[in-house]
Amino acid sequence: MNATALLPLLRDLYSRNPEYRRLLPWELAQVLWSLGYTEDLENEGEISAASDVARQDWPEWWKAA
């Protein structure tokens, strides 16, 4: 899975549980896996890239939810 595919997953996770926005990439990998968002633990670099984008555009997609 790449950062583009992870972005919608992180947006959904952040909209449901905003407290996860402050987690580190390795923590997010475990959260995504344990909550069933992904089948395997994802690459921390890809999660970090997607998380950075999701955090930057937080106000835009939060209003739409």
N, C-alpha and C. Protein backbone atom coordinates (compact mmCIF):
# COMPACT_ATOMS: atom_id res chain seq x y z
N MET A 1 0.85 -1.17 0.00
CA MET A 1 0.00 0.00 0.00
C MET A 1 0.91 1.24 0.00
N ASN A 2 0.53 2.25 -0.78
CA ASN A 2 1.34 3.46 -0.83
C ASN A 2 0.65 4.61 -0.09
N ALA A 3 1.33 5.73 -0.01
CA ALA A 3 0.81 6.87 0.75
C ALA A 3 -0.52 7.36 0.19
N THR A 4 -0.71 7.28 -1.12
CA THR A 4 -1.97 7.71 -1.73
C THR A 4 -3.12 6.83 -1.27
N ALA A 5 -2.90 5.55 -1.16
CA ALA A 5 -3.94 4.63 -0.69
C ALA A 5 -4.18 4.77 0.81
N LEU A 6 -3.15 5.14 1.55
CA LEU A 6 -3.28 5.30 3.00
C LEU A 6 -4.02 6.59 3.39
N LEU A 7 -3.97 7.60 2.53
CA LEU A 7 -4.56 8.89 2.87
C LEU A 7 -6.04 8.79 3.23
N PRO A 8 -6.89 8.13 2.44
CA PRO A 8 -8.30 8.02 2.84
C PRO A 8 -8.49 7.25 4.16
N LEU A 9 -7.63 6.25 4.38
CA LEU A 9 -7.73 5.49 5.63
C LEU A 9 -7.41 6.38 6.83
N LEU A 10 -6.35 7.18 6.70
CA LEU A 10 -5.98 8.06 7.80
C LEU A 10 -7.01 9.16 8.01
N ARG A 11 -7.57 9.68 6.93
CA ARG A 11 -8.63 10.69 7.08
C ARG A 11 -9.82 10.12 7.84
N ASP A 12 -10.19 8.88 7.50
CA ASP A 12 -11.29 8.24 8.21
C ASP A 12 -10.94 8.01 9.67
N LEU A 13 -9.75 7.51 9.91
CA LEU A 13 -9.31 7.27 11.30
C LEU A 13 -9.29 8.57 12.09
N TYR A 14 -8.72 9.63 11.52
CA TYR A 14 -8.62 10.91 12.22
C TYR A 14 -10.00 11.53 12.45
N SER A 15 -10.93 11.33 11.52
CA SER A 15 -12.26 11.91 11.71
C SER A 15 -13.02 11.18 12.81
N ARG A 16 -12.79 9.88 12.94
CA ARG A 16 -13.47 9.10 13.98
C ARG A 16 -12.78 9.24 15.34
N ASN A 17 -11.46 9.32 15.32
CA ASN A 17 -10.66 9.37 16.55
C ASN A 17 -9.56 10.41 16.42
N PRO A 18 -9.88 11.70 16.60
CA PRO A 18 -8.87 12.75 16.40
C PRO A 18 -7.65 12.62 17.31
N GLU A 19 -7.76 11.90 18.40
CA GLU A 19 -6.62 11.75 19.30
C GLU A 19 -5.47 10.97 18.64
N TYR A 20 -5.75 10.23 17.58
CA TYR A 20 -4.71 9.48 16.89
C TYR A 20 -3.84 10.37 16.00
N ARG A 21 -4.23 11.62 15.79
CA ARG A 21 -3.46 12.52 14.93
C ARG A 21 -2.04 12.75 15.45
N ARG A 22 -1.81 12.56 16.72
CA ARG A 22 -0.49 12.84 17.30
C ARG A 22 0.41 11.61 17.39
N LEU A 23 -0.06 10.46 16.93
CA LEU A 23 0.74 9.24 17.02
C LEU A 23 1.89 9.26 16.02
N LEU A 24 2.96 8.58 16.38
CA LEU A 24 4.11 8.41 15.50
C LEU A 24 3.78 7.36 14.44
N PRO A 25 4.51 7.35 13.31
CA PRO A 25 4.20 6.39 12.24
C PRO A 25 4.17 4.93 12.69
N TRP A 26 5.10 4.52 13.55
CA TRP A 26 5.08 3.12 13.99
C TRP A 26 3.86 2.82 14.85
N GLU A 27 3.38 3.82 15.58
CA GLU A 27 2.17 3.63 16.37
C GLU A 27 0.94 3.59 15.46
N LEU A 28 0.93 4.44 14.44
CA LEU A 28 -0.18 4.42 13.49
C LEU A 28 -0.26 3.11 12.74
N ALA A 29 0.90 2.53 12.40
CA ALA A 29 0.91 1.24 11.71
C ALA A 29 0.19 0.20 12.54
N GLN A 30 0.46 0.17 13.83
CA GLN A 30 -0.19 -0.81 14.70
C GLN A 30 -1.68 -0.51 14.88
N VAL A 31 -2.04 0.77 14.97
CA VAL A 31 -3.45 1.14 15.11
C VAL A 31 -4.23 0.76 13.86
N LEU A 32 -3.68 1.10 12.67
CA LEU A 32 -4.36 0.76 11.42
C LEU A 32 -4.57 -0.75 11.30
N TRP A 33 -3.56 -1.51 11.68
CA TRP A 33 -3.68 -2.97 11.61
C TRP A 33 -4.67 -3.50 12.64
N SER A 34 -4.57 -3.04 13.87
CA SER A 34 -5.42 -3.58 14.93
C SER A 34 -6.89 -3.20 14.76
N LEU A 35 -7.17 -2.05 14.13
CA LEU A 35 -8.55 -1.64 13.90
C LEU A 35 -9.11 -2.18 12.58
N GLY A 36 -8.30 -2.93 11.84
CA GLY A 36 -8.77 -3.56 10.61
C GLY A 36 -8.73 -2.67 9.39
N TYR A 37 -8.03 -1.56 9.43
CA TYR A 37 -7.92 -0.70 8.25
C TYR A 37 -7.02 -1.34 7.20
N THR A 38 -6.03 -2.11 7.61
CA THR A 38 -5.12 -2.80 6.70
C THR A 38 -4.95 -4.24 7.15
N GLU A 39 -4.54 -5.09 6.21
CA GLU A 39 -4.36 -6.51 6.53
C GLU A 39 -2.99 -6.79 7.14
N ASP A 40 -2.01 -5.97 6.83
CA ASP A 40 -0.65 -6.14 7.33
C ASP A 40 -0.17 -4.83 7.92
N LEU A 41 0.91 -4.90 8.68
CA LEU A 41 1.53 -3.66 9.16
C LEU A 41 2.15 -2.95 7.97
N GLU A 42 1.86 -1.69 7.83
CA GLU A 42 2.32 -0.93 6.67
C GLU A 42 3.69 -0.31 6.92
N ASN A 43 4.33 0.12 5.85
CA ASN A 43 5.64 0.77 5.88
C ASN A 43 5.52 2.10 6.61
N GLU A 44 6.38 2.32 7.58
CA GLU A 44 6.33 3.55 8.38
C GLU A 44 6.56 4.80 7.53
N GLY A 45 7.40 4.70 6.51
CA GLY A 45 7.66 5.85 5.64
C GLY A 45 6.42 6.26 4.87
N GLU A 46 5.67 5.29 4.38
CA GLU A 46 4.43 5.59 3.66
C GLU A 46 3.39 6.18 4.61
N ILE A 47 3.31 5.63 5.81
CA ILE A 47 2.36 6.15 6.79
C ILE A 47 2.73 7.57 7.18
N SER A 48 4.01 7.82 7.34
CA SER A 48 4.46 9.16 7.70
C SER A 48 4.09 10.17 6.62
N ALA A 49 4.31 9.81 5.36
CA ALA A 49 3.98 10.72 4.25
C ALA A 49 2.48 10.99 4.19
N ALA A 50 1.68 9.95 4.29
CA ALA A 50 0.22 10.12 4.24
C ALA A 50 -0.29 10.89 5.46
N SER A 51 0.29 10.64 6.60
CA SER A 51 -0.12 11.32 7.82
C SER A 51 0.18 12.82 7.74
N ASP A 52 1.34 13.17 7.17
CA ASP A 52 1.68 14.58 7.01
C ASP A 52 0.66 15.30 6.14
N VAL A 53 0.26 14.66 5.05
CA VAL A 53 -0.74 15.27 4.16
C VAL A 53 -2.08 15.36 4.87
N ALA A 54 -2.48 14.31 5.55
CA ALA A 54 -3.78 14.31 6.24
C ALA A 54 -3.82 15.37 7.33
N ARG A 55 -2.72 15.58 8.02
CA ARG A 55 -2.69 16.61 9.06
C ARG A 55 -2.75 18.01 8.47
N GLN A 56 -2.12 18.21 7.31
CA GLN A 56 -2.11 19.53 6.68
C GLN A 56 -3.48 19.93 6.16
N ASP A 57 -4.23 18.98 5.63
CA ASP A 57 -5.54 19.33 5.09
C ASP A 57 -6.68 19.01 6.05
N TRP A 58 -6.38 18.85 7.31
CA TRP A 58 -7.38 18.53 8.33
C TRP A 58 -8.59 19.46 8.31
N PRO A 59 -8.45 20.78 8.30
CA PRO A 59 -9.63 21.65 8.34
C PRO A 59 -10.55 21.47 7.13
N GLU A 60 -9.98 21.19 5.96
CA GLU A 60 -10.79 21.04 4.75
C GLU A 60 -11.70 19.84 4.81
N TRP A 61 -11.18 18.67 5.17
CA TRP A 61 -12.04 17.48 5.15
C TRP A 61 -12.80 17.31 6.45
N TRP A 62 -12.41 17.96 7.50
CA TRP A 62 -13.17 17.87 8.75
C TRP A 62 -14.53 18.52 8.58
N LYS A 63 -14.58 19.66 7.87
CA LYS A 63 -15.85 20.36 7.64
C LYS A 63 -16.81 19.51 6.83
N ALA A 64 -16.28 18.72 5.89
CA ALA A 64 -17.13 17.91 5.02
C ALA A 64 -17.70 16.70 5.74
N ALA A 65 -17.09 16.26 6.81
CA ALA A 65 -17.52 15.03 7.50
C ALA A 65 -18.75 15.23 8.34
